[in-house]
């Protein structure tokens, strides 16, 4: 038996079952001055079963865009959380916020 096979059989490395029945998922979208495209994407994602069923959320990170009327509408959508950065932090910092 090689080392790889033994690792799979090691009970200390076995995945433990979570007390929750459903896995939570967050879809993170980083936006910078593309409110119309972002609103279209959010609209499409909200039709997904996991979003409608409450098993997933949409986290919209605005990376310092100017104020736009669509931002207020998106913020009011169920299952959507809007986080605003004061300035453009770049994609990597925004998505990991």
N, C-alpha and C. Protein backbone atom coordinates (compact mmCIF):
# COMPACT_ATOMS: atom_id res chain seq x y z
N UNK A 1 0.86 -1.17 0.00
CA UNK A 1 0.00 0.00 0.00
C UNK A 1 0.90 1.24 0.00
N UNK A 2 0.69 2.13 -0.98
CA UNK A 2 1.53 3.33 -1.04
C UNK A 2 0.98 4.42 -0.11
N UNK A 3 1.74 5.47 0.06
CA UNK A 3 1.39 6.54 1.00
C UNK A 3 0.07 7.22 0.62
N UNK A 4 -0.19 7.42 -0.65
CA UNK A 4 -1.42 8.08 -1.09
C UNK A 4 -2.66 7.29 -0.66
N UNK A 5 -2.63 6.01 -0.83
CA UNK A 5 -3.75 5.18 -0.43
C UNK A 5 -3.97 5.25 1.07
N UNK A 6 -2.90 5.23 1.82
CA UNK A 6 -3.02 5.30 3.27
C UNK A 6 -3.62 6.63 3.72
N UNK A 7 -3.30 7.74 3.05
CA UNK A 7 -3.87 9.03 3.42
C UNK A 7 -5.39 9.01 3.25
N UNK A 8 -5.86 8.36 2.21
CA UNK A 8 -7.32 8.32 1.99
C UNK A 8 -8.03 7.52 3.07
N UNK A 9 -7.34 6.52 3.59
CA UNK A 9 -7.96 5.66 4.59
C UNK A 9 -7.80 6.19 6.02
N UNK A 10 -7.03 7.24 6.20
CA UNK A 10 -6.78 7.78 7.53
C UNK A 10 -8.06 8.42 8.08
N UNK A 11 -8.61 7.91 9.18
CA UNK A 11 -9.86 8.47 9.73
C UNK A 11 -9.71 9.90 10.23
N UNK A 12 -8.49 10.31 10.56
CA UNK A 12 -8.29 11.70 11.01
C UNK A 12 -8.51 12.69 9.87
N UNK A 13 -8.38 12.24 8.63
CA UNK A 13 -8.53 13.13 7.47
C UNK A 13 -9.92 13.03 6.85
N UNK A 14 -10.77 12.24 7.43
CA UNK A 14 -12.12 12.08 6.86
C UNK A 14 -12.90 13.37 7.00
N UNK A 15 -13.71 13.66 6.00
CA UNK A 15 -14.55 14.86 6.04
C UNK A 15 -15.66 14.67 7.06
N UNK A 16 -15.84 15.65 7.88
CA UNK A 16 -16.92 15.59 8.86
C UNK A 16 -18.17 16.20 8.26
N UNK A 17 -19.29 15.60 8.54
CA UNK A 17 -20.55 16.13 8.03
C UNK A 17 -20.95 17.36 8.82
N UNK A 18 -21.37 18.35 8.11
CA UNK A 18 -21.81 19.60 8.73
C UNK A 18 -23.21 19.41 9.29
N UNK A 19 -23.55 20.08 10.40
CA UNK A 19 -24.91 19.97 10.93
C UNK A 19 -25.93 20.62 10.00
N UNK A 20 -25.49 21.50 9.10
CA UNK A 20 -26.39 22.13 8.15
C UNK A 20 -26.69 21.14 7.03
N UNK A 21 -27.88 21.20 6.50
CA UNK A 21 -28.24 20.28 5.43
C UNK A 21 -27.85 20.81 4.06
N UNK A 22 -27.74 22.12 3.90
CA UNK A 22 -27.42 22.69 2.60
C UNK A 22 -26.09 23.45 2.68
N UNK A 23 -25.35 23.39 1.61
CA UNK A 23 -24.11 24.12 1.51
C UNK A 23 -24.42 25.55 1.12
N UNK A 24 -23.86 26.52 1.81
CA UNK A 24 -24.06 27.93 1.48
C UNK A 24 -23.05 28.34 0.42
N UNK A 25 -23.51 29.13 -0.51
CA UNK A 25 -22.69 29.60 -1.61
C UNK A 25 -22.85 31.10 -1.73
N UNK A 26 -21.78 31.80 -1.95
CA UNK A 26 -21.83 33.23 -2.22
C UNK A 26 -21.24 33.48 -3.59
N UNK A 27 -22.02 34.08 -4.46
CA UNK A 27 -21.54 34.47 -5.78
C UNK A 27 -21.06 35.91 -5.63
N UNK A 28 -19.76 36.12 -5.78
CA UNK A 28 -19.18 37.45 -5.59
C UNK A 28 -18.97 38.09 -6.96
N UNK A 29 -19.55 39.27 -7.14
CA UNK A 29 -19.42 40.01 -8.39
C UNK A 29 -18.74 41.33 -8.06
N UNK A 30 -17.66 41.62 -8.76
CA UNK A 30 -16.97 42.89 -8.60
C UNK A 30 -17.38 43.81 -9.73
N UNK A 31 -17.85 45.00 -9.38
CA UNK A 31 -18.34 45.96 -10.36
C UNK A 31 -17.51 47.23 -10.31
N UNK A 32 -17.23 47.78 -11.49
CA UNK A 32 -16.65 49.11 -11.60
C UNK A 32 -17.23 49.79 -12.83
N UNK A 33 -18.17 50.69 -12.60
CA UNK A 33 -18.79 51.51 -13.65
C UNK A 33 -19.50 50.68 -14.72
N UNK A 34 -20.01 49.52 -14.37
CA UNK A 34 -20.73 48.67 -15.32
C UNK A 34 -22.08 48.27 -14.74
N UNK A 35 -22.84 49.23 -14.23
CA UNK A 35 -24.08 48.92 -13.53
C UNK A 35 -25.09 48.22 -14.40
N UNK A 36 -25.21 48.59 -15.65
CA UNK A 36 -26.20 47.95 -16.52
C UNK A 36 -25.88 46.48 -16.74
N UNK A 37 -24.62 46.18 -17.03
CA UNK A 37 -24.21 44.79 -17.21
C UNK A 37 -24.32 44.00 -15.91
N UNK A 38 -23.95 44.62 -14.81
CA UNK A 38 -24.04 43.96 -13.51
C UNK A 38 -25.48 43.66 -13.15
N UNK A 39 -26.38 44.60 -13.42
CA UNK A 39 -27.81 44.38 -13.13
C UNK A 39 -28.35 43.23 -13.97
N UNK A 40 -27.91 43.13 -15.21
CA UNK A 40 -28.35 42.03 -16.08
C UNK A 40 -27.85 40.69 -15.52
N UNK A 41 -26.61 40.65 -15.07
CA UNK A 41 -26.06 39.42 -14.49
C UNK A 41 -26.80 39.03 -13.22
N UNK A 42 -27.07 39.99 -12.35
CA UNK A 42 -27.80 39.71 -11.11
C UNK A 42 -29.20 39.19 -11.43
N UNK A 43 -29.85 39.80 -12.40
CA UNK A 43 -31.19 39.35 -12.79
C UNK A 43 -31.15 37.88 -13.25
N UNK A 44 -30.15 37.52 -14.04
CA UNK A 44 -30.03 36.14 -14.51
C UNK A 44 -29.71 35.18 -13.37
N UNK A 45 -28.83 35.59 -12.48
CA UNK A 45 -28.47 34.73 -11.35
C UNK A 45 -29.65 34.49 -10.41
N UNK A 46 -30.51 35.48 -10.26
CA UNK A 46 -31.65 35.34 -9.35
C UNK A 46 -32.64 34.29 -9.82
N UNK A 47 -32.54 33.84 -11.06
CA UNK A 47 -33.40 32.77 -11.57
C UNK A 47 -32.86 31.38 -11.22
N UNK A 48 -31.63 31.32 -10.74
CA UNK A 48 -31.03 30.03 -10.38
C UNK A 48 -31.76 29.44 -9.17
N UNK A 49 -31.92 28.14 -9.17
CA UNK A 49 -32.62 27.45 -8.08
C UNK A 49 -31.97 27.72 -6.73
N UNK A 50 -30.65 27.73 -6.68
CA UNK A 50 -29.97 27.91 -5.39
C UNK A 50 -30.19 29.31 -4.83
N UNK A 51 -30.30 30.30 -5.69
CA UNK A 51 -30.56 31.66 -5.22
C UNK A 51 -32.00 31.77 -4.76
N UNK A 52 -32.92 31.28 -5.58
CA UNK A 52 -34.34 31.34 -5.21
C UNK A 52 -34.64 30.53 -3.97
N UNK A 53 -33.93 29.44 -3.77
CA UNK A 53 -34.15 28.59 -2.61
C UNK A 53 -33.46 29.09 -1.35
N UNK A 54 -32.70 30.16 -1.45
CA UNK A 54 -32.02 30.70 -0.28
C UNK A 54 -30.75 29.96 0.09
N UNK A 55 -30.26 29.10 -0.78
CA UNK A 55 -29.04 28.35 -0.50
C UNK A 55 -27.79 29.11 -0.92
N UNK A 56 -27.98 30.19 -1.67
CA UNK A 56 -26.85 30.99 -2.15
C UNK A 56 -27.24 32.47 -2.11
N UNK A 57 -26.23 33.29 -1.95
CA UNK A 57 -26.42 34.73 -1.94
C UNK A 57 -25.56 35.36 -3.02
N UNK A 58 -25.94 36.54 -3.43
CA UNK A 58 -25.14 37.32 -4.37
C UNK A 58 -24.52 38.47 -3.59
N UNK A 59 -23.21 38.54 -3.63
CA UNK A 59 -22.49 39.62 -2.98
C UNK A 59 -21.91 40.49 -4.09
N UNK A 60 -22.39 41.70 -4.16
CA UNK A 60 -21.97 42.64 -5.19
C UNK A 60 -21.02 43.64 -4.56
N UNK A 61 -19.78 43.65 -5.03
CA UNK A 61 -18.77 44.56 -4.50
C UNK A 61 -18.55 45.67 -5.53
N UNK A 62 -18.91 46.89 -5.16
CA UNK A 62 -18.69 48.03 -6.03
C UNK A 62 -17.32 48.60 -5.73
N UNK A 63 -16.51 48.71 -6.77
CA UNK A 63 -15.12 49.10 -6.60
C UNK A 63 -14.90 50.59 -6.86
N UNK A 64 -15.70 51.43 -6.18
CA UNK A 64 -15.50 52.87 -6.27
C UNK A 64 -16.18 53.54 -7.45
N UNK A 65 -17.26 52.96 -7.95
CA UNK A 65 -17.99 53.57 -9.07
C UNK A 65 -18.76 54.79 -8.59
N UNK A 66 -19.04 55.73 -9.51
CA UNK A 66 -19.91 56.84 -9.16
C UNK A 66 -21.32 56.33 -8.84
N UNK A 67 -22.06 57.11 -8.09
CA UNK A 67 -23.43 56.72 -7.73
C UNK A 67 -24.26 56.53 -8.98
N UNK A 68 -25.10 55.49 -8.97
CA UNK A 68 -25.95 55.16 -10.12
C UNK A 68 -27.29 54.68 -9.58
N UNK A 69 -28.41 55.01 -10.25
CA UNK A 69 -29.73 54.58 -9.75
C UNK A 69 -29.89 53.06 -9.67
N UNK A 70 -29.21 52.31 -10.53
CA UNK A 70 -29.34 50.85 -10.49
C UNK A 70 -28.75 50.27 -9.22
N UNK A 71 -27.78 50.95 -8.62
CA UNK A 71 -27.18 50.45 -7.39
C UNK A 71 -28.22 50.35 -6.28
N UNK A 72 -29.05 51.37 -6.16
CA UNK A 72 -30.10 51.35 -5.13
C UNK A 72 -31.11 50.25 -5.38
N UNK A 73 -31.45 50.03 -6.65
CA UNK A 73 -32.40 48.96 -6.99
C UNK A 73 -31.82 47.59 -6.67
N UNK A 74 -30.55 47.39 -7.00
CA UNK A 74 -29.91 46.09 -6.74
C UNK A 74 -29.80 45.82 -5.25
N UNK A 75 -29.55 46.87 -4.49
CA UNK A 75 -29.40 46.72 -3.04
C UNK A 75 -30.70 46.26 -2.38
N UNK A 76 -31.83 46.59 -2.98
CA UNK A 76 -33.13 46.21 -2.42
C UNK A 76 -33.57 44.80 -2.80
N UNK A 77 -32.86 44.17 -3.74
CA UNK A 77 -33.23 42.82 -4.18
C UNK A 77 -32.95 41.82 -3.07
N UNK A 78 -33.88 40.90 -2.88
CA UNK A 78 -33.69 39.84 -1.90
C UNK A 78 -32.54 38.93 -2.32
N UNK A 79 -31.67 38.60 -1.40
CA UNK A 79 -30.56 37.72 -1.69
C UNK A 79 -29.34 38.43 -2.25
N UNK A 80 -29.40 39.78 -2.34
CA UNK A 80 -28.28 40.55 -2.87
C UNK A 80 -27.75 41.46 -1.76
N UNK A 81 -26.45 41.41 -1.55
CA UNK A 81 -25.81 42.29 -0.58
C UNK A 81 -24.82 43.16 -1.33
N UNK A 82 -24.90 44.46 -1.16
CA UNK A 82 -24.02 45.40 -1.85
C UNK A 82 -22.98 45.95 -0.88
N UNK A 83 -21.72 45.77 -1.23
CA UNK A 83 -20.61 46.33 -0.46
C UNK A 83 -19.94 47.38 -1.33
N UNK A 84 -19.72 48.55 -0.78
CA UNK A 84 -19.12 49.64 -1.56
C UNK A 84 -17.73 49.99 -1.04
N UNK A 85 -16.80 50.06 -1.97
CA UNK A 85 -15.46 50.56 -1.66
C UNK A 85 -15.42 52.04 -2.03
N UNK A 86 -14.69 52.83 -1.26
CA UNK A 86 -14.59 54.26 -1.56
C UNK A 86 -13.78 54.52 -2.82
N UNK A 87 -12.86 53.61 -3.13
CA UNK A 87 -12.03 53.77 -4.33
C UNK A 87 -11.82 52.40 -4.95
N UNK A 88 -11.28 52.39 -6.15
CA UNK A 88 -11.02 51.15 -6.87
C UNK A 88 -9.81 50.47 -6.24
N UNK A 89 -10.05 49.32 -5.61
CA UNK A 89 -8.98 48.58 -4.94
C UNK A 89 -8.35 47.53 -5.84
N UNK A 90 -8.90 47.35 -7.03
CA UNK A 90 -8.46 46.27 -7.90
C UNK A 90 -9.30 45.03 -7.63
N UNK A 91 -9.31 44.12 -8.59
CA UNK A 91 -10.18 42.95 -8.50
C UNK A 91 -9.82 42.07 -7.31
N UNK A 92 -8.55 41.75 -7.14
CA UNK A 92 -8.16 40.79 -6.10
C UNK A 92 -8.54 41.27 -4.71
N UNK A 93 -8.30 42.51 -4.39
CA UNK A 93 -8.66 43.02 -3.07
C UNK A 93 -10.18 43.11 -2.91
N UNK A 94 -10.86 43.51 -3.97
CA UNK A 94 -12.31 43.65 -3.90
C UNK A 94 -13.00 42.30 -3.70
N UNK A 95 -12.57 41.29 -4.42
CA UNK A 95 -13.22 39.98 -4.34
C UNK A 95 -12.93 39.28 -3.02
N UNK A 96 -11.84 39.62 -2.37
CA UNK A 96 -11.47 39.00 -1.10
C UNK A 96 -11.83 39.84 0.12
N UNK A 97 -12.56 40.88 -0.09
CA UNK A 97 -12.92 41.78 1.01
C UNK A 97 -13.77 41.09 2.04
